[in-house]
Amino acid sequence: MLLLSLACTMIAYPPDSSADSAPSESAAPADTAADTAADTAADTGGDTAADTAADGAPALTDIEGSWVEYPNIGEVLQVTAQYTDDDLDGGTCHIDLYLECEFEDTFQLSMDSTGGDGCLVLDGTFLFALGGLDPTAETSVVFAIADAAGNVSPRYTVELGGH
């Protein structure tokens, strides 16, 4: 398990034993119904064709976020997606974390087929999990991925209400 600042921890995957990971809420690309405060300078400025994946850039589908109980760890925010890209292994994931609509922290994590110190990318599935969060808080994660060649995806937002 990799410790990150502000009591937020990146969780190695897979956990010690399998846990039910049915999503409680799903995600949408940042430039649709879920525009956020993070949708600023790095973005192209709104709902434009340039906000979609460019040629060669990774594309994510079926993005889901949920609170999942990991054995020996507790409840974590888990984000999963399906991806289309030939070289995500060795790329990076850029994550901005918001709690109660306030910016909390930013992370840059490696992506590989083990997921030990970052994001898991294996057989078309992308996954990361963040621990040390309050599952009763409104939580948003804004993220983009860059493949090993440096091609960057559009930004996506996962929003989870407290429970």
C-alpha atoms as a PDB file:
ATOM      1  CA  MET A   1       0.000   0.000   0.000  1.00  0.00           C
ATOM      2  CA  LEU A   2       1.400   3.389  -1.004  1.00  0.00           C
ATOM      3  CA  LEU A   3       0.710   6.191   1.497  1.00  0.00           C
ATOM      4  CA  LEU A   4      -0.336   9.533   0.007  1.00  0.00           C
ATOM      5  CA  SER A   5      -0.664  12.877   1.756  1.00  0.00           C
ATOM      6  CA  LEU A   6      -3.705  14.133   3.667  1.00  0.00           C
ATOM      7  CA  ALA A   7      -4.432  10.689   5.100  1.00  0.00           C
ATOM      8  CA  CYS A   8      -5.407   9.445   1.656  1.00  0.00           C
ATOM      9  CA  THR A   9      -3.863   6.144   0.665  1.00  0.00           C
ATOM     10  CA  MET A  10      -3.480   4.488  -2.698  1.00  0.00           C
ATOM     11  CA  ILE A  11      -4.608   0.905  -2.343  1.00  0.00           C
ATOM     12  CA  ALA A  12      -2.736  -1.928  -4.020  1.00  0.00           C
ATOM     13  CA  TYR A  13      -4.926  -4.185  -6.118  1.00  0.00           C
ATOM     14  CA  PRO A  14      -6.044  -6.884  -5.809  1.00  0.00           C
ATOM     15  CA  PRO A  15      -6.991  -6.812  -2.127  1.00  0.00           C
ATOM     16  CA  ASP A  16      -6.236  -9.810   0.088  1.00  0.00           C
ATOM     17  CA  SER A  17      -9.448 -11.534  -0.975  1.00  0.00           C
ATOM     18  CA  SER A  18     -12.130 -10.754  -3.486  1.00  0.00           C
ATOM     19  CA  ALA A  19     -14.723  -8.213  -2.450  1.00  0.00           C
ATOM     20  CA  ASP A  20     -18.015  -7.373  -4.085  1.00  0.00           C
ATOM     21  CA  SER A  21     -17.355  -4.280  -6.157  1.00  0.00           C
ATOM     22  CA  ALA A  22     -20.758  -3.458  -7.536  1.00  0.00           C
ATOM     23  CA  PRO A  23     -20.779   0.238  -8.350  1.00  0.00           C
ATOM     24  CA  SER A  24     -22.964   2.545  -6.309  1.00  0.00           C
ATOM     25  CA  GLU A  25     -22.744   5.403  -8.790  1.00  0.00           C
ATOM     26  CA  SER A  26     -21.259   5.770 -12.233  1.00  0.00           C
ATOM     27  CA  ALA A  27     -19.057   8.350 -13.875  1.00  0.00           C
ATOM     28  CA  ALA A  28     -19.310  10.586 -16.907  1.00  0.00           C
ATOM     29  CA  PRO A  29     -16.713  12.409 -18.954  1.00  0.00           C
ATOM     30  CA  ALA A  30     -15.930  15.737 -17.302  1.00  0.00           C
ATOM     31  CA  ASP A  31     -17.345  17.707 -20.211  1.00  0.00           C
ATOM     32  CA  THR A  32     -20.895  16.381 -20.127  1.00  0.00           C
ATOM     33  CA  ALA A  33     -23.399  16.600 -17.305  1.00  0.00           C
ATOM     34  CA  ALA A  34     -20.667  16.536 -14.672  1.00  0.00           C
ATOM     35  CA  ASP A  35     -18.647  19.711 -15.421  1.00  0.00           C
ATOM     36  CA  THR A  36     -16.585  20.541 -12.352  1.00  0.00           C
ATOM     37  CA  ALA A  37     -14.420  23.318 -10.995  1.00  0.00           C
ATOM     38  CA  ALA A  38     -11.432  21.358 -12.272  1.00  0.00           C
ATOM     39  CA  ASP A  39     -12.652  21.923 -15.829  1.00  0.00           C
ATOM     40  CA  THR A  40     -10.356  24.889 -16.364  1.00  0.00           C
ATOM     41  CA  ALA A  41      -7.017  25.713 -17.976  1.00  0.00           C
ATOM     42  CA  ALA A  42      -5.915  22.218 -19.004  1.00  0.00           C
ATOM     43  CA  ASP A  43      -9.216  21.669 -20.783  1.00  0.00           C
ATOM     44  CA  THR A  44     -10.004  23.037 -24.219  1.00  0.00           C
ATOM     45  CA  GLY A  45     -12.748  25.186 -22.758  1.00  0.00           C
ATOM     46  CA  GLY A  46     -16.011  23.315 -22.779  1.00  0.00           C
ATOM     47  CA  ASP A  47     -18.075  20.865 -24.742  1.00  0.00           C
ATOM     48  CA  THR A  48     -16.091  20.732 -27.977  1.00  0.00           C
ATOM     49  CA  ALA A  49     -14.943  18.015 -30.323  1.00  0.00           C
ATOM     50  CA  ALA A  50     -11.384  18.636 -29.080  1.00  0.00           C
ATOM     51  CA  ASP A  51     -12.416  17.295 -25.662  1.00  0.00           C
ATOM     52  CA  THR A  52     -12.789  13.785 -27.072  1.00  0.00           C
ATOM     53  CA  ALA A  53      -9.929  11.318 -27.406  1.00  0.00           C
ATOM     54  CA  ALA A  54      -7.510  12.296 -30.135  1.00  0.00           C
ATOM     55  CA  ASP A  55      -5.968   9.750 -32.511  1.00  0.00           C
ATOM     56  CA  GLY A  56      -3.701   7.484 -30.491  1.00  0.00           C
ATOM     57  CA  ALA A  57      -4.991   8.736 -27.131  1.00  0.00           C
ATOM     58  CA  PRO A  58      -6.406   6.265 -24.598  1.00  0.00           C
ATOM     59  CA  ALA A  59     -10.175   6.086 -24.405  1.00  0.00           C
ATOM     60  CA  LEU A  60     -12.149   4.933 -21.358  1.00  0.00           C
ATOM     61  CA  THR A  61     -15.663   3.492 -21.347  1.00  0.00           C
ATOM     62  CA  ASP A  62     -17.943   1.981 -18.703  1.00  0.00           C
ATOM     63  CA  ILE A  63     -16.407   4.178 -15.993  1.00  0.00           C
ATOM     64  CA  GLU A  64     -17.726   3.343 -12.542  1.00  0.00           C
ATOM     65  CA  GLY A  65     -16.938   4.615  -9.076  1.00  0.00           C
ATOM     66  CA  SER A  66     -18.020   2.957  -5.866  1.00  0.00           C
ATOM     67  CA  TRP A  67     -17.270   2.601  -2.181  1.00  0.00           C
ATOM     68  CA  VAL A  68     -15.891  -0.930  -1.727  1.00  0.00           C
ATOM     69  CA  GLU A  69     -14.924  -2.784   1.444  1.00  0.00           C
ATOM     70  CA  TYR A  70     -11.374  -4.151   1.047  1.00  0.00           C
ATOM     71  CA  PRO A  71     -10.338  -6.872   3.511  1.00  0.00           C
ATOM     72  CA  ASN A  72      -7.887  -5.682   6.179  1.00  0.00           C
ATOM     73  CA  ILE A  73      -8.116  -2.109   4.826  1.00  0.00           C
ATOM     74  CA  GLY A  74     -11.710  -0.928   5.112  1.00  0.00           C
ATOM     75  CA  GLU A  75     -13.883   1.108   2.795  1.00  0.00           C
ATOM     76  CA  VAL A  76     -12.112   2.607  -0.230  1.00  0.00           C
ATOM     77  CA  LEU A  77     -13.171   4.640  -3.240  1.00  0.00           C
ATOM     78  CA  GLN A  78     -12.615   2.354  -6.226  1.00  0.00           C
ATOM     79  CA  VAL A  79     -12.707   3.558  -9.848  1.00  0.00           C
ATOM     80  CA  THR A  80     -12.869   1.074 -12.712  1.00  0.00           C
ATOM     81  CA  ALA A  81     -13.180   1.470 -16.479  1.00  0.00           C
ATOM     82  CA  GLN A  82     -12.677  -0.379 -19.705  1.00  0.00           C
ATOM     83  CA  TYR A  83      -9.982   1.019 -21.969  1.00  0.00           C
ATOM     84  CA  THR A  84      -8.860   0.872 -25.569  1.00  0.00           C
ATOM     85  CA  ASP A  85      -5.148   1.519 -25.997  1.00  0.00           C
ATOM     86  CA  ASP A  86      -2.168  -0.629 -26.879  1.00  0.00           C
ATOM     87  CA  ASP A  87       0.340   0.903 -24.479  1.00  0.00           C
ATOM     88  CA  LEU A  88      -1.266   1.924 -21.184  1.00  0.00           C
ATOM     89  CA  ASP A  89       1.174  -0.293 -19.289  1.00  0.00           C
ATOM     90  CA  GLY A  90       3.979   2.117 -18.384  1.00  0.00           C
ATOM     91  CA  GLY A  91       1.774   5.212 -18.617  1.00  0.00           C
ATOM     92  CA  THR A  92       0.532   7.524 -15.878  1.00  0.00           C
ATOM     93  CA  CYS A  93      -2.769   8.463 -14.285  1.00  0.00           C
ATOM     94  CA  HIS A  94      -3.308  12.062 -13.144  1.00  0.00           C
ATOM     95  CA  ILE A  95      -5.910  12.380 -10.363  1.00  0.00           C
ATOM     96  CA  ASP A  96      -7.430  15.437  -8.666  1.00  0.00           C
ATOM     97  CA  LEU A  97      -9.409  14.712  -5.495  1.00  0.00           C
ATOM     98  CA  TYR A  98     -12.245  16.949  -4.242  1.00  0.00           C
ATOM     99  CA  LEU A  99     -14.037  16.525  -0.899  1.00  0.00           C
ATOM    100  CA  GLU A 100     -17.258  18.435  -0.270  1.00  0.00           C
ATOM    101  CA  CYS A 101     -16.595  20.427  -3.512  1.00  0.00           C
ATOM    102  CA  GLU A 102     -13.204  21.648  -2.249  1.00  0.00           C
ATOM    103  CA  PHE A 103      -9.893  20.677  -3.850  1.00  0.00           C
ATOM    104  CA  GLU A 104      -8.109  18.249  -1.534  1.00  0.00           C
ATOM    105  CA  ASP A 105      -5.069  16.780  -3.312  1.00  0.00           C
ATOM    106  CA  THR A 106      -3.541  15.745  -6.628  1.00  0.00           C
ATOM    107  CA  PHE A 107      -1.733  12.525  -7.503  1.00  0.00           C
ATOM    108  CA  GLN A 108       0.285  11.207 -10.422  1.00  0.00           C
ATOM    109  CA  LEU A 109       0.374   7.415 -10.387  1.00  0.00           C
ATOM    110  CA  SER A 110       2.092   4.859 -12.569  1.00  0.00           C
ATOM    111  CA  MET A 111       0.014   2.361 -14.531  1.00  0.00           C
ATOM    112  CA  ASP A 112       1.069  -1.241 -14.927  1.00  0.00           C
ATOM    113  CA  SER A 113      -0.225  -4.793 -15.029  1.00  0.00           C
ATOM    114  CA  THR A 114       0.454  -5.390 -11.309  1.00  0.00           C
ATOM    115  CA  GLY A 115      -1.236  -2.291  -9.848  1.00  0.00           C
ATOM    116  CA  GLY A 116       1.094  -2.538  -6.852  1.00  0.00           C
ATOM    117  CA  ASP A 117       2.070   1.135  -6.622  1.00  0.00           C
ATOM    118  CA  GLY A 118      -0.517   2.808  -8.817  1.00  0.00           C
ATOM    119  CA  CYS A 119      -3.232   2.014 -11.303  1.00  0.00           C
ATOM    120  CA  LEU A 120      -3.914  -1.499 -12.497  1.00  0.00           C
ATOM    121  CA  VAL A 121      -4.220  -1.920 -16.283  1.00  0.00           C
ATOM    122  CA  LEU A 122      -4.855  -5.495 -17.311  1.00  0.00           C
ATOM    123  CA  ASP A 123      -6.832  -7.159 -20.097  1.00  0.00           C
ATOM    124  CA  GLY A 124      -8.771  -4.007 -20.996  1.00  0.00           C
ATOM    125  CA  THR A 125      -9.595  -3.049 -17.390  1.00  0.00           C
ATOM    126  CA  PHE A 126      -8.291   0.087 -15.644  1.00  0.00           C
ATOM    127  CA  LEU A 127      -8.587   0.364 -11.836  1.00  0.00           C
ATOM    128  CA  PHE A 128      -7.399   2.483  -8.944  1.00  0.00           C
ATOM    129  CA  ALA A 129      -8.543   2.723  -5.332  1.00  0.00           C
ATOM    130  CA  LEU A 130      -8.112   5.460  -2.725  1.00  0.00           C
ATOM    131  CA  GLY A 131      -8.314   4.728   0.985  1.00  0.00           C
ATOM    132  CA  GLY A 132      -8.372   6.916   4.054  1.00  0.00           C
ATOM    133  CA  LEU A 133     -11.381   8.895   2.822  1.00  0.00           C
ATOM    134  CA  ASP A 134     -14.635   9.628   4.615  1.00  0.00           C
ATOM    135  CA  PRO A 135     -17.326   7.673   2.742  1.00  0.00           C
ATOM    136  CA  THR A 136     -20.000  10.004   4.142  1.00  0.00           C
ATOM    137  CA  ALA A 137     -18.449  13.007   2.344  1.00  0.00           C
ATOM    138  CA  GLU A 138     -19.386  14.145  -1.153  1.00  0.00           C
ATOM    139  CA  THR A 139     -16.341  13.013  -3.133  1.00  0.00           C
ATOM    140  CA  SER A 140     -15.253  13.801  -6.691  1.00  0.00           C
ATOM    141  CA  VAL A 141     -12.295  12.411  -8.587  1.00  0.00           C
ATOM    142  CA  VAL A 142     -11.215  14.098 -11.823  1.00  0.00           C
ATOM    143  CA  PHE A 143      -8.679  12.084 -13.786  1.00  0.00           C
ATOM    144  CA  ALA A 144      -6.959  11.626 -17.124  1.00  0.00           C
ATOM    145  CA  ILE A 145      -4.570   8.957 -18.270  1.00  0.00           C
ATOM    146  CA  ALA A 146      -1.484   9.154 -20.460  1.00  0.00           C
ATOM    147  CA  ASP A 147      -0.213   6.056 -22.241  1.00  0.00           C
ATOM    148  CA  ALA A 148       3.457   5.104 -22.463  1.00  0.00           C
ATOM    149  CA  ALA A 149       3.765   7.106 -25.713  1.00  0.00           C
ATOM    150  CA  GLY A 150       2.512  10.269 -23.946  1.00  0.00           C
ATOM    151  CA  ASN A 151      -0.937  10.381 -25.583  1.00  0.00           C
ATOM    152  CA  VAL A 152      -3.425  11.855 -23.092  1.00  0.00           C
ATOM    153  CA  SER A 153      -7.085  10.927 -22.700  1.00  0.00           C
ATOM    154  CA  PRO A 154      -9.907  13.383 -22.122  1.00  0.00           C
ATOM    155  CA  ARG A 155     -10.558  14.114 -18.437  1.00  0.00           C
ATOM    156  CA  TYR A 156     -13.250  12.151 -16.641  1.00  0.00           C
ATOM    157  CA  THR A 157     -15.121  12.823 -13.417  1.00  0.00           C
ATOM    158  CA  VAL A 158     -16.426  10.298 -10.901  1.00  0.00           C
ATOM    159  CA  GLU A 159     -18.772  11.750  -8.280  1.00  0.00           C
ATOM    160  CA  LEU A 160     -19.890   9.807  -5.240  1.00  0.00           C
ATOM    161  CA  GLY A 161     -22.383  11.024  -2.713  1.00  0.00           C
ATOM    162  CA  GLY A 162     -21.803  10.270   0.916  1.00  0.00           C
ATOM    163  CA  HIS A 163     -23.555   7.238   2.354  1.00  0.00           C
END
